[in-house]
Amino acid sequence: MGLMRLVVGCLGALVAAGAAHAEGVHEWQMGLQEPASPYAEQAHDFHTLLLVIITIIVVFVLGLLVYVMWRFNAKRNPTPSKTTHNTLIEVVWTVVPIIILIVIAVPSFNLLYALDHDEDPELTLVVRGYQWYWSYEYPDQQIEEFQANMVPDEEIGDGQVRLLSTYDLTGRTDGVVVLPVDTDIQIVITAMDVLHSWAMPAFGIKTDAVPGRTNETWVRIEREGTYYGQCSEICGAGHAFMPIEIHAVSREAFDDWVEEQTAGLTLETPPVLLTREAPAPEGAAPAEGGETEGVAPAEDAPADEAPAEDAPQEDPTNTGDAGTAAAGQRLASN
């Protein structure tokens, strides 16, 4: 009766874990966290392949051990064979492991190259690790670096521990990363003091943050929601207090958030928006007739101030590469 209750209880736990799997990580969950990016799905498939291979190997070796114990014990085999070499067996146990390693290596290398970097990202997020908090920057959107610190629950008053920023430009940033779905996002990661590791299981990302070095990865989030990660490199006494919280929103909602963060700021170039044209920089608002206030029309410009034909012309809409380059310069200067 007790054994039956144990079996029923285990089956119930498995069913409950499977039902809760789609909502994120839960106690008694079986399997990995549900993937939220194409790369994470590939990583899970690779994990399943490895699980099948290692299971076959374990069962095969166990069978050999059982057979040897049964067939060649002292009672059944009182006069043991003195054979020391077998060409066929030695060829098999050399060739078969090589084939297994090739089967494992091909998808493994594909995964490594797939997560390395994106050739044409639509958005860049700069991540910096400190002792002991993360900071984030959106160079394309002109959102400067802000910090994400964990604060004790007694400072919040609602019994929850969440992230808050100790520094921001607008007073509205709370240290939570906001990213759009269905967007190729380049993530540039470094550290300012010791080794850290920026890990987000739902995205299949775990990239080291190394002082003096810039590592790159990328993600394309497939569905909206809130995702959690953690520093996965033991970095000191505050290692446990470096959580990561990402809010994945629609592209339209992300543009609204960017406009909110940059409201009232004087920007050299307009922030990059994903679904509509960015607003003009402050002081260059369009006037009636399509002209821009404070800017002289091109036909009225003096001839000696006109740009030379051979001079390179900047494209004001091409802010992706410029933002990434600016982020790289800031990383180098820090």
Protein backbone atom coordinates (compact mmCIF):
# COMPACT_ATOMS: atom_id res chain seq x y z
CA MET A 1 0.00 0.00 0.00
CA GLY A 2 2.82 2.38 0.87
CA LEU A 3 4.62 1.57 -2.37
CA MET A 4 1.44 2.23 -4.35
CA ARG A 5 1.03 5.63 -2.72
CA LEU A 6 4.63 6.48 -3.53
CA VAL A 7 4.15 5.54 -7.21
CA VAL A 8 0.90 7.53 -7.48
CA GLY A 9 2.53 10.51 -5.80
CA CYS A 10 5.49 10.43 -8.20
CA LEU A 11 3.18 10.21 -11.22
CA GLY A 12 1.17 13.15 -9.91
CA ALA A 13 4.31 15.20 -9.44
CA LEU A 14 5.41 14.41 -13.01
CA VAL A 15 2.04 15.46 -14.44
CA ALA A 16 2.00 18.67 -12.39
CA ALA A 17 5.56 19.47 -13.43
CA GLY A 18 4.72 18.91 -17.08
CA ALA A 19 1.65 21.14 -16.85
CA ALA A 20 3.64 23.92 -15.17
CA HIS A 21 6.54 23.61 -17.57
CA ALA A 22 5.15 26.20 -19.98
CA GLU A 23 5.02 28.87 -17.27
CA GLY A 24 8.71 28.82 -16.35
CA VAL A 25 10.77 27.21 -13.64
CA HIS A 26 8.86 25.52 -10.83
CA GLU A 27 9.61 23.14 -7.99
CA TRP A 28 9.68 19.49 -9.03
CA GLN A 29 9.88 20.49 -12.66
CA MET A 30 11.09 17.75 -15.02
CA GLY A 31 13.27 18.83 -17.91
CA LEU A 32 14.73 22.17 -18.90
CA GLN A 33 13.04 25.55 -18.81
CA GLU A 34 10.86 26.18 -21.84
CA PRO A 35 12.95 27.88 -24.56
CA ALA A 36 12.09 31.42 -25.65
CA SER A 37 14.49 31.75 -28.59
CA PRO A 38 15.38 29.66 -31.67
CA TYR A 39 18.88 29.05 -30.30
CA ALA A 40 17.51 27.75 -27.00
CA GLU A 41 15.32 25.32 -28.92
CA GLN A 42 18.37 24.02 -30.80
CA ALA A 43 20.27 23.69 -27.52
CA HIS A 44 17.41 21.66 -26.03
CA ASP A 45 17.37 19.38 -29.09
CA PHE A 46 21.11 18.89 -28.69
CA HIS A 47 20.63 18.09 -25.01
CA THR A 48 18.02 15.48 -25.94
CA LEU A 49 20.40 13.94 -28.49
CA LEU A 50 23.14 13.67 -25.87
CA LEU A 51 20.68 12.15 -23.40
CA VAL A 52 19.76 9.45 -25.93
CA ILE A 53 23.41 8.71 -26.76
CA ILE A 54 24.56 8.47 -23.15
CA THR A 55 21.54 6.30 -22.26
CA ILE A 56 22.41 3.84 -25.03
CA ILE A 57 26.04 3.76 -23.88
CA VAL A 58 25.08 3.16 -20.24
CA VAL A 59 22.63 0.37 -21.14
CA PHE A 60 25.19 -1.27 -23.45
CA VAL A 61 28.00 -1.17 -20.87
CA LEU A 62 25.67 -2.42 -18.15
CA GLY A 63 24.62 -5.31 -20.38
CA LEU A 64 28.25 -6.20 -21.05
CA LEU A 65 29.03 -6.21 -17.34
CA VAL A 66 26.04 -8.40 -16.52
CA TYR A 67 26.90 -10.81 -19.34
CA VAL A 68 30.56 -11.05 -18.26
CA MET A 69 29.58 -11.68 -14.64
CA TRP A 70 27.16 -14.40 -15.71
CA ARG A 71 29.14 -16.04 -18.51
CA PHE A 72 32.66 -15.90 -17.12
CA ASN A 73 32.24 -16.48 -13.43
CA ALA A 74 34.31 -19.21 -11.74
CA LYS A 75 31.51 -21.79 -11.66
CA ARG A 76 30.60 -21.52 -15.38
CA ASN A 77 34.16 -20.97 -16.60
CA PRO A 78 36.59 -22.85 -14.33
CA THR A 79 39.33 -22.75 -16.99
CA PRO A 80 39.63 -19.14 -18.20
CA SER A 81 40.80 -18.36 -21.71
CA LYS A 82 44.30 -16.94 -22.14
CA THR A 83 43.37 -14.89 -25.22
CA THR A 84 44.97 -11.43 -24.97
CA HIS A 85 44.10 -9.78 -28.31
CA ASN A 86 41.15 -9.70 -30.69
CA THR A 87 41.58 -7.62 -33.84
CA LEU A 88 37.86 -7.20 -34.55
CA ILE A 89 37.01 -6.07 -31.02
CA GLU A 90 39.91 -3.60 -30.92
CA VAL A 91 38.86 -2.09 -34.26
CA VAL A 92 35.25 -1.81 -33.11
CA TRP A 93 36.02 -0.15 -29.78
CA THR A 94 38.24 2.36 -31.60
CA VAL A 95 35.96 3.19 -34.55
CA VAL A 96 32.61 3.32 -32.72
CA PRO A 97 33.69 6.02 -30.19
CA ILE A 98 35.07 8.10 -33.07
CA ILE A 99 31.71 7.91 -34.84
CA ILE A 100 29.91 8.88 -31.63
CA LEU A 101 32.19 11.90 -31.14
CA ILE A 102 31.57 13.04 -34.72
CA VAL A 103 27.81 12.75 -34.21
CA ILE A 104 28.17 14.92 -31.09
CA ALA A 105 30.65 17.41 -32.57
CA VAL A 106 28.67 18.44 -35.66
CA PRO A 107 25.60 19.89 -33.85
CA SER A 108 27.87 21.19 -31.09
CA PHE A 109 29.92 23.32 -33.48
CA ASN A 110 26.74 24.46 -35.23
CA LEU A 111 25.41 25.73 -31.91
CA LEU A 112 28.65 27.52 -31.04
CA TYR A 113 28.75 29.37 -34.36
CA ALA A 114 25.01 30.11 -34.29
CA LEU A 115 25.29 31.99 -30.98
CA ASP A 116 28.55 33.77 -31.75
CA HIS A 117 27.14 36.98 -33.24
CA ASP A 118 24.49 38.33 -35.59
CA GLU A 119 25.56 39.73 -38.94
CA ASP A 120 22.86 42.42 -39.11
CA PRO A 121 21.43 43.23 -35.65
CA GLU A 122 18.51 45.60 -35.29
CA LEU A 123 19.33 46.55 -31.70
CA THR A 124 22.41 46.59 -29.48
CA LEU A 125 22.42 46.04 -25.71
CA VAL A 126 25.64 46.69 -23.78
CA VAL A 127 26.02 44.71 -20.54
CA ARG A 128 28.68 45.44 -17.92
CA GLY A 129 29.35 43.41 -14.81
CA TYR A 130 30.43 45.04 -11.55
CA GLN A 131 30.94 43.84 -7.98
CA TRP A 132 28.09 43.18 -7.48
CA TYR A 133 25.47 44.41 -9.93
CA TRP A 134 24.83 44.70 -13.65
CA SER A 135 24.63 47.83 -15.76
CA TYR A 136 22.99 48.24 -19.16
CA GLU A 137 23.20 50.66 -22.04
CA TYR A 138 21.25 51.08 -25.31
CA PRO A 139 23.63 53.00 -27.62
CA ASP A 140 21.31 52.97 -30.64
CA GLN A 141 18.44 54.38 -28.58
CA GLN A 142 20.64 57.01 -26.84
CA ILE A 143 19.84 55.50 -23.41
CA GLU A 144 22.98 55.88 -21.32
CA GLU A 145 24.30 53.38 -18.82
CA PHE A 146 22.07 52.62 -15.83
CA GLN A 147 22.61 50.19 -12.99
CA ALA A 148 20.46 47.27 -11.82
CA ASN A 149 20.88 46.53 -8.12
CA MET A 150 18.99 44.16 -5.87
CA VAL A 151 17.54 45.96 -2.85
CA PRO A 152 16.39 44.30 0.40
CA ASP A 153 12.67 43.67 0.65
CA GLU A 154 12.39 45.92 3.71
CA GLU A 155 13.27 48.84 1.45
CA ILE A 156 10.35 47.99 -0.83
CA GLY A 157 7.64 47.22 1.66
CA ASP A 158 5.70 44.68 -0.42
CA GLY A 159 7.57 41.61 0.75
CA GLN A 160 9.27 41.09 -2.61
CA VAL A 161 12.88 41.36 -3.70
CA ARG A 162 13.25 43.06 -7.06
CA LEU A 163 15.70 45.15 -9.05
CA LEU A 164 15.98 48.89 -8.70
CA SER A 165 18.37 51.35 -10.26
CA THR A 166 20.60 53.55 -8.13
CA TYR A 167 21.37 55.76 -11.13
CA ASP A 168 19.37 56.80 -14.14
CA LEU A 169 18.82 59.84 -16.32
CA THR A 170 15.08 60.23 -16.32
CA GLY A 171 14.04 58.91 -12.92
CA ARG A 172 11.80 56.32 -14.56
CA THR A 173 14.23 53.47 -15.18
CA ASP A 174 14.00 50.75 -12.52
CA GLY A 175 16.99 48.68 -13.62
CA VAL A 176 14.95 46.11 -15.52
CA VAL A 177 16.03 45.32 -19.08
CA VAL A 178 13.33 45.90 -21.69
CA LEU A 179 13.77 44.15 -25.04
CA PRO A 180 11.48 43.75 -28.05
CA VAL A 181 10.32 40.41 -29.41
CA ASP A 182 10.88 39.29 -33.02
CA THR A 183 14.05 41.41 -33.20
CA ASP A 184 17.67 40.42 -33.76
CA ILE A 185 19.41 41.81 -30.67
CA GLN A 186 23.18 42.01 -30.36
CA ILE A 187 24.42 41.74 -26.77
CA VAL A 188 27.88 43.13 -25.99
CA ILE A 189 29.17 41.89 -22.62
CA THR A 190 32.18 42.93 -20.55
CA ALA A 191 33.23 43.34 -16.90
CA MET A 192 34.79 46.27 -15.07
CA ASP A 193 36.47 44.46 -12.15
CA VAL A 194 36.43 40.64 -11.97
CA LEU A 195 34.99 37.76 -13.98
CA HIS A 196 31.21 37.56 -14.23
CA SER A 197 28.88 35.55 -16.45
CA TRP A 198 25.63 36.84 -17.96
CA ALA A 199 23.30 33.83 -18.09
CA MET A 200 19.70 33.70 -19.32
CA PRO A 201 18.49 30.05 -19.47
CA ALA A 202 15.32 30.73 -21.46
CA PHE A 203 17.44 32.26 -24.24
CA GLY A 204 20.18 29.63 -24.12
CA ILE A 205 22.76 32.31 -23.27
CA LYS A 206 25.65 32.04 -20.84
CA THR A 207 28.44 34.42 -21.85
CA ASP A 208 31.41 35.36 -19.68
CA ALA A 209 32.01 38.99 -18.77
CA VAL A 210 35.79 39.43 -18.78
CA PRO A 211 37.62 42.63 -17.72
CA GLY A 212 39.38 44.24 -20.65
CA ARG A 213 37.60 42.07 -23.18
CA THR A 214 34.34 42.40 -25.09
CA ASN A 215 32.33 39.25 -25.78
CA GLU A 216 29.37 39.19 -28.13
CA THR A 217 26.25 37.10 -28.40
CA TRP A 218 22.74 37.67 -29.71
CA VAL A 219 19.15 36.65 -29.18
CA ARG A 220 15.80 36.75 -30.94
CA ILE A 221 13.02 36.50 -28.37
CA GLU A 222 9.97 34.68 -29.67
CA ARG A 223 7.30 35.58 -27.14
CA GLU A 224 6.52 38.32 -24.67
CA GLY A 225 6.97 37.78 -20.96
CA THR A 226 9.34 38.22 -18.02
CA TYR A 227 12.54 36.18 -17.99
CA TYR A 228 15.04 35.72 -15.18
CA GLY A 229 18.72 34.88 -15.12
CA GLN A 230 21.70 35.15 -12.80
CA CYS A 231 25.43 35.74 -12.75
CA SER A 232 26.86 32.25 -13.27
CA GLU A 233 30.50 32.91 -12.43
CA ILE A 234 31.52 32.97 -8.77
CA CYS A 235 32.66 36.59 -8.52
CA GLY A 236 32.91 37.24 -4.80
CA ALA A 237 30.84 37.80 -1.69
CA GLY A 238 27.94 39.42 -3.56
CA HIS A 239 27.75 36.83 -6.34
CA ALA A 240 24.29 35.66 -5.22
CA PHE A 241 22.91 39.19 -5.53
CA MET A 242 23.38 39.71 -9.26
CA PRO A 243 20.04 38.61 -10.77
CA ILE A 244 18.95 39.46 -14.30
CA GLU A 245 15.39 40.44 -15.17
CA ILE A 246 14.27 40.97 -18.76
CA HIS A 247 10.86 42.18 -19.85
CA ALA A 248 10.15 41.10 -23.44
CA VAL A 249 7.54 43.38 -25.02
CA SER A 250 6.19 44.10 -28.47
CA ARG A 251 8.20 46.29 -30.82
CA GLU A 252 5.60 49.05 -30.48
CA ALA A 253 5.74 48.91 -26.68
CA PHE A 254 9.54 49.01 -26.84
CA ASP A 255 9.42 52.20 -28.94
CA ASP A 256 7.06 53.74 -26.38
CA TRP A 257 9.50 52.80 -23.60
CA VAL A 258 12.43 54.33 -25.50
CA GLU A 259 10.54 57.59 -26.03
CA GLU A 260 9.67 57.64 -22.34
CA GLN A 261 13.30 57.15 -21.30
CA THR A 262 14.60 59.84 -23.67
CA ALA A 263 11.86 62.39 -23.05
CA GLY A 264 13.28 65.79 -22.13
CA LEU A 265 16.86 64.86 -23.02
CA THR A 266 18.99 66.76 -25.52
CA LEU A 267 20.17 64.17 -28.03
CA GLU A 268 22.69 64.62 -30.81
CA THR A 269 20.83 62.11 -32.98
CA PRO A 270 17.30 60.77 -32.67
CA PRO A 271 16.92 57.37 -30.99
CA VAL A 272 16.42 54.36 -33.23
CA LEU A 273 12.81 53.18 -33.16
CA LEU A 274 11.73 49.84 -34.57
CA THR A 275 8.22 50.50 -35.85
CA ARG A 276 8.10 54.17 -36.74
CA GLU A 277 10.24 57.17 -37.51
CA ALA A 278 12.18 58.57 -34.59
CA PRO A 279 11.26 62.06 -33.37
CA ALA A 280 13.53 64.92 -34.45
CA PRO A 281 16.20 66.02 -31.95
CA GLU A 282 15.24 68.79 -29.56
CA GLY A 283 15.57 72.22 -31.18
CA ALA A 284 14.85 70.90 -34.66
CA ALA A 285 11.09 70.50 -34.58
CA PRO A 286 9.35 70.67 -37.98
CA ALA A 287 7.58 73.94 -38.70
CA GLU A 288 4.70 74.67 -41.06
CA GLY A 289 5.41 73.95 -44.68
CA GLY A 290 7.70 71.02 -43.85
CA GLU A 291 10.66 73.22 -42.88
CA THR A 292 12.58 72.74 -39.65
CA GLU A 293 12.64 75.53 -37.09
CA GLY A 294 16.06 76.94 -36.41
CA VAL A 295 17.55 75.34 -39.53
CA ALA A 296 18.06 77.37 -42.67
CA PRO A 297 16.68 75.86 -45.90
CA ALA A 298 19.30 74.30 -48.12
CA GLU A 299 18.67 76.72 -51.01
CA ASP A 300 19.31 79.74 -48.77
CA ALA A 301 22.63 78.49 -47.45
CA PRO A 302 25.65 80.59 -48.48
CA ALA A 303 27.75 79.11 -51.23
CA ASP A 304 30.95 79.17 -49.18
CA GLU A 305 29.26 77.15 -46.40
CA ALA A 306 27.92 74.46 -48.69
CA PRO A 307 29.54 71.06 -48.16
CA ALA A 308 32.08 69.97 -50.69
CA GLU A 309 30.99 67.40 -53.23
CA ASP A 310 33.79 65.01 -52.21
CA ALA A 311 33.10 65.31 -48.48
CA PRO A 312 31.52 62.18 -46.96
CA GLN A 313 27.90 62.66 -46.04
CA GLU A 314 26.57 61.12 -42.84
CA ASP A 315 23.34 59.21 -42.96
CA PRO A 316 21.25 60.39 -39.96
CA THR A 317 19.13 57.26 -40.13
CA ASN A 318 22.08 54.88 -39.94
CA THR A 319 22.54 54.84 -36.18
CA GLY A 320 22.97 51.10 -35.61
CA ASP A 321 26.67 50.88 -36.54
CA ALA A 322 27.39 54.29 -35.02
CA GLY A 323 25.74 53.27 -31.77
CA THR A 324 27.72 50.06 -31.64
CA ALA A 325 30.96 51.89 -32.36
CA ALA A 326 30.20 54.47 -29.68
CA ALA A 327 29.53 51.68 -27.21
CA GLY A 328 32.86 50.11 -28.08
CA GLN A 329 34.65 53.41 -27.52
CA ARG A 330 33.01 53.81 -24.13
CA LEU A 331 33.97 50.27 -23.16
CA ALA A 332 37.57 50.97 -24.13
CA SER A 333 37.65 54.26 -22.21
CA ASN A 334 36.25 52.58 -19.07
